[in-house]
C-alpha atoms as a PDB file:
ATOM      1  CA  MET A   1     -19.414 -11.945  20.839  1.00  0.00           C
ATOM      2  CA  GLY A   2     -18.058 -15.391  19.283  1.00  0.00           C
ATOM      3  CA  VAL A   3     -17.406 -15.988  15.528  1.00  0.00           C
ATOM      4  CA  THR A   4     -19.595 -18.372  13.709  1.00  0.00           C
ATOM      5  CA  ARG A   5     -17.659 -20.793  11.858  1.00  0.00           C
ATOM      6  CA  VAL A   6     -19.170 -22.070   8.655  1.00  0.00           C
ATOM      7  CA  SER A   7     -17.798 -25.646   7.866  1.00  0.00           C
ATOM      8  CA  GLY A   8     -18.579 -27.346   4.410  1.00  0.00           C
ATOM      9  CA  TRP A   9     -19.918 -24.318   2.435  1.00  0.00           C
ATOM     10  CA  LEU A  10     -17.491 -25.403  -0.471  1.00  0.00           C
ATOM     11  CA  PRO A  11     -18.486 -28.304  -2.401  1.00  0.00           C
ATOM     12  CA  PHE A  12     -14.713 -29.446  -2.428  1.00  0.00           C
ATOM     13  CA  SER A  13     -12.016 -29.094   0.017  1.00  0.00           C
ATOM     14  CA  PHE A  14      -9.898 -25.713  -1.076  1.00  0.00           C
ATOM     15  CA  SER A  15      -7.015 -26.569   1.394  1.00  0.00           C
ATOM     16  CA  LYS A  16      -5.890 -29.636  -0.807  1.00  0.00           C
ATOM     17  CA  MET A  17      -5.938 -27.934  -4.087  1.00  0.00           C
ATOM     18  CA  THR A  18      -2.716 -27.027  -5.647  1.00  0.00           C
ATOM     19  CA  THR A  19      -1.750 -23.502  -6.217  1.00  0.00           C
ATOM     20  CA  ILE A  20      -2.410 -23.633  -9.912  1.00  0.00           C
ATOM     21  CA  GLU A  21      -5.818 -25.071  -9.347  1.00  0.00           C
ATOM     22  CA  LYS A  22      -6.666 -22.573  -6.688  1.00  0.00           C
ATOM     23  CA  ASN A  23      -5.665 -19.941  -9.305  1.00  0.00           C
ATOM     24  CA  GLN A  24      -7.722 -21.254 -11.757  1.00  0.00           C
ATOM     25  CA  LEU A  25     -10.663 -21.473  -9.643  1.00  0.00           C
ATOM     26  CA  ILE A  26     -10.366 -17.696  -8.616  1.00  0.00           C
ATOM     27  CA  ARG A  27      -9.948 -16.717 -12.164  1.00  0.00           C
ATOM     28  CA  GLU A  28     -13.022 -18.638 -13.135  1.00  0.00           C
ATOM     29  CA  ALA A  29     -14.906 -16.920 -10.217  1.00  0.00           C
ATOM     30  CA  LEU A  30     -13.748 -13.463 -11.556  1.00  0.00           C
ATOM     31  CA  GLY A  31     -15.093 -14.129 -15.152  1.00  0.00           C
ATOM     32  CA  GLY A  32     -11.973 -15.427 -16.758  1.00  0.00           C
ATOM     33  CA  ILE A  33      -9.662 -12.592 -15.941  1.00  0.00           C
ATOM     34  CA  SER A  34      -5.823 -13.540 -17.033  1.00  0.00           C
ATOM     35  CA  ASN A  35      -2.778 -13.335 -15.267  1.00  0.00           C
ATOM     36  CA  GLN A  36      -1.865 -10.107 -17.280  1.00  0.00           C
ATOM     37  CA  GLU A  37      -4.667  -8.228 -15.533  1.00  0.00           C
ATOM     38  CA  PHE A  38      -3.614  -8.974 -12.195  1.00  0.00           C
ATOM     39  CA  ILE A  39      -0.331  -7.025 -12.521  1.00  0.00           C
ATOM     40  CA  PRO A  40      -0.470  -4.451  -9.658  1.00  0.00           C
ATOM     41  CA  GLN A  41       0.244  -0.729  -9.813  1.00  0.00           C
ATOM     42  CA  TYR A  42       2.619  -0.475  -6.949  1.00  0.00           C
ATOM     43  CA  VAL A  43       4.910  -3.121  -5.383  1.00  0.00           C
ATOM     44  CA  ASP A  44       7.608  -3.140  -2.591  1.00  0.00           C
ATOM     45  CA  SER A  45      11.265  -3.713  -3.238  1.00  0.00           C
ATOM     46  CA  LYS A  46      10.901  -7.509  -3.088  1.00  0.00           C
ATOM     47  CA  GLY A  47       7.926  -7.443  -5.290  1.00  0.00           C
ATOM     48  CA  LEU A  48       9.736  -5.510  -7.821  1.00  0.00           C
ATOM     49  CA  ALA A  49      12.704  -7.917  -7.920  1.00  0.00           C
ATOM     50  CA  ARG A  50      10.092 -10.899  -8.123  1.00  0.00           C
ATOM     51  CA  LEU A  51       8.489  -9.300 -11.106  1.00  0.00           C
ATOM     52  CA  THR A  52      11.191  -7.707 -13.171  1.00  0.00           C
ATOM     53  CA  GLY A  53      14.560  -8.688 -11.653  1.00  0.00           C
ATOM     54  CA  ILE A  54      15.566  -5.180 -10.735  1.00  0.00           C
ATOM     55  CA  SER A  55      17.310  -5.077  -7.361  1.00  0.00           C
ATOM     56  CA  ARG A  56      16.539  -2.494  -4.750  1.00  0.00           C
ATOM     57  CA  SER A  57      19.676  -0.604  -5.148  1.00  0.00           C
ATOM     58  CA  TYR A  58      19.241  -0.335  -8.826  1.00  0.00           C
ATOM     59  CA  ALA A  59      15.760   0.686  -8.474  1.00  0.00           C
ATOM     60  CA  TYR A  60      16.748   3.602  -6.398  1.00  0.00           C
ATOM     61  CA  LEU A  61      19.652   4.418  -8.723  1.00  0.00           C
ATOM     62  CA  LEU A  62      16.818   4.687 -11.501  1.00  0.00           C
ATOM     63  CA  LEU A  63      14.704   6.444  -9.377  1.00  0.00           C
ATOM     64  CA  SER A  64      17.439   9.092  -8.800  1.00  0.00           C
ATOM     65  CA  GLU A  65      18.049   9.399 -12.404  1.00  0.00           C
ATOM     66  CA  GLY A  66      14.064   9.951 -13.042  1.00  0.00           C
ATOM     67  CA  LYS A  67      13.759   6.737 -15.047  1.00  0.00           C
ATOM     68  CA  ILE A  68      11.147   5.134 -12.835  1.00  0.00           C
ATOM     69  CA  ASP A  69       8.571   6.408 -10.256  1.00  0.00           C
ATOM     70  CA  SER A  70       8.100   5.294  -6.880  1.00  0.00           C
ATOM     71  CA  ALA A  71       5.768   6.759  -3.738  1.00  0.00           C
ATOM     72  CA  CYS A  72       6.815   6.835  -0.156  1.00  0.00           C
ATOM     73  CA  ILE A  73       4.169   5.827   2.463  1.00  0.00           C
ATOM     74  CA  ARG A  74       4.746   7.093   6.114  1.00  0.00           C
ATOM     75  CA  ARG A  75       3.074   8.590   8.963  1.00  0.00           C
ATOM     76  CA  PRO A  76       3.150  12.427   9.242  1.00  0.00           C
ATOM     77  CA  GLY A  77       6.375  13.198  11.274  1.00  0.00           C
ATOM     78  CA  SER A  78       7.967   9.848  10.717  1.00  0.00           C
ATOM     79  CA  ILE A  79      11.443   9.612   9.074  1.00  0.00           C
ATOM     80  CA  ARG A  80      11.009   6.011   7.868  1.00  0.00           C
ATOM     81  CA  GLY A  81       8.335   4.685   5.560  1.00  0.00           C
ATOM     82  CA  LYS A  82       7.483   2.207   2.816  1.00  0.00           C
ATOM     83  CA  ARG A  83       8.862   2.735  -0.611  1.00  0.00           C
ATOM     84  CA  LEU A  84       6.542   1.383  -3.355  1.00  0.00           C
ATOM     85  CA  TRP A  85       7.530   1.057  -7.141  1.00  0.00           C
ATOM     86  CA  HIS A  86       5.277   2.525  -9.771  1.00  0.00           C
ATOM     87  CA  ILE A  87       5.104  -0.842 -12.142  1.00  0.00           C
ATOM     88  CA  PRO A  88       3.880   0.891 -15.117  1.00  0.00           C
ATOM     89  CA  SER A  89       6.963   3.227 -15.073  1.00  0.00           C
ATOM     90  CA  VAL A  90       9.150   0.326 -14.663  1.00  0.00           C
ATOM     91  CA  LEU A  91       7.781  -1.424 -17.599  1.00  0.00           C
ATOM     92  CA  LYS A  92       7.836   1.409 -19.612  1.00  0.00           C
ATOM     93  CA  PHE A  93      11.636   1.779 -18.624  1.00  0.00           C
ATOM     94  CA  LEU A  94      12.046  -1.978 -19.374  1.00  0.00           C
ATOM     95  CA  GLU A  95      10.525  -1.476 -23.072  1.00  0.00           C
ATOM     96  CA  SER A  96      12.776   1.555 -23.919  1.00  0.00           C
ATOM     97  CA  CYS A  97      15.612  -0.559 -22.833  1.00  0.00           C
ATOM     98  CA  LYS A  98      14.500  -3.228 -25.193  1.00  0.00           C
ATOM     99  CA  ALA A  99      13.989  -0.577 -27.946  1.00  0.00           C
ATOM    100  CA  ALA A 100      17.439   0.606 -27.402  1.00  0.00           C
ATOM    101  CA  ASN A 101      19.147  -2.764 -27.804  1.00  0.00           C
ATOM    102  CA  CYS A 102      17.044  -3.703 -30.725  1.00  0.00           C
ATOM    103  CA  SER A 103      18.167  -0.606 -32.234  1.00  0.00           C
ATOM    104  CA  GLY A 104      22.047  -1.048 -31.574  1.00  0.00           C
ATOM    105  CA  GLY A 105      21.892   1.424 -28.763  1.00  0.00           C
ATOM    106  CA  SER A 106      23.946   0.459 -25.482  1.00  0.00           C
ATOM    107  CA  GLY A 107      20.865   0.167 -23.542  1.00  0.00           C
ATOM    108  CA  VAL A 108      20.827  -0.079 -19.687  1.00  0.00           C
ATOM    109  CA  TYR A 109      22.199  -2.815 -17.537  1.00  0.00           C
END
């Protein structure tokens, strides 16, 4: 069974658009949802570093101290898996650091 390719279904060339134009088009298609509403619940270590600047090693330190949450996805019986960081808990931690720094506390670096 072959795949039927539909050509010309868009009234413009999506491939020639810039990333900003693509994002704007997607936002309009979704009813004007802002970038703030696209923050994922869980990200991997690279996503965590990209969103917050927190490195993988520092994230594991914060996890061991109970300051942020994560989930590990793996198949039953597997040793290795994929660690996903819970973004709401990370943002809550960052807000607590900001509050501690504003009130003259030592904060966490």
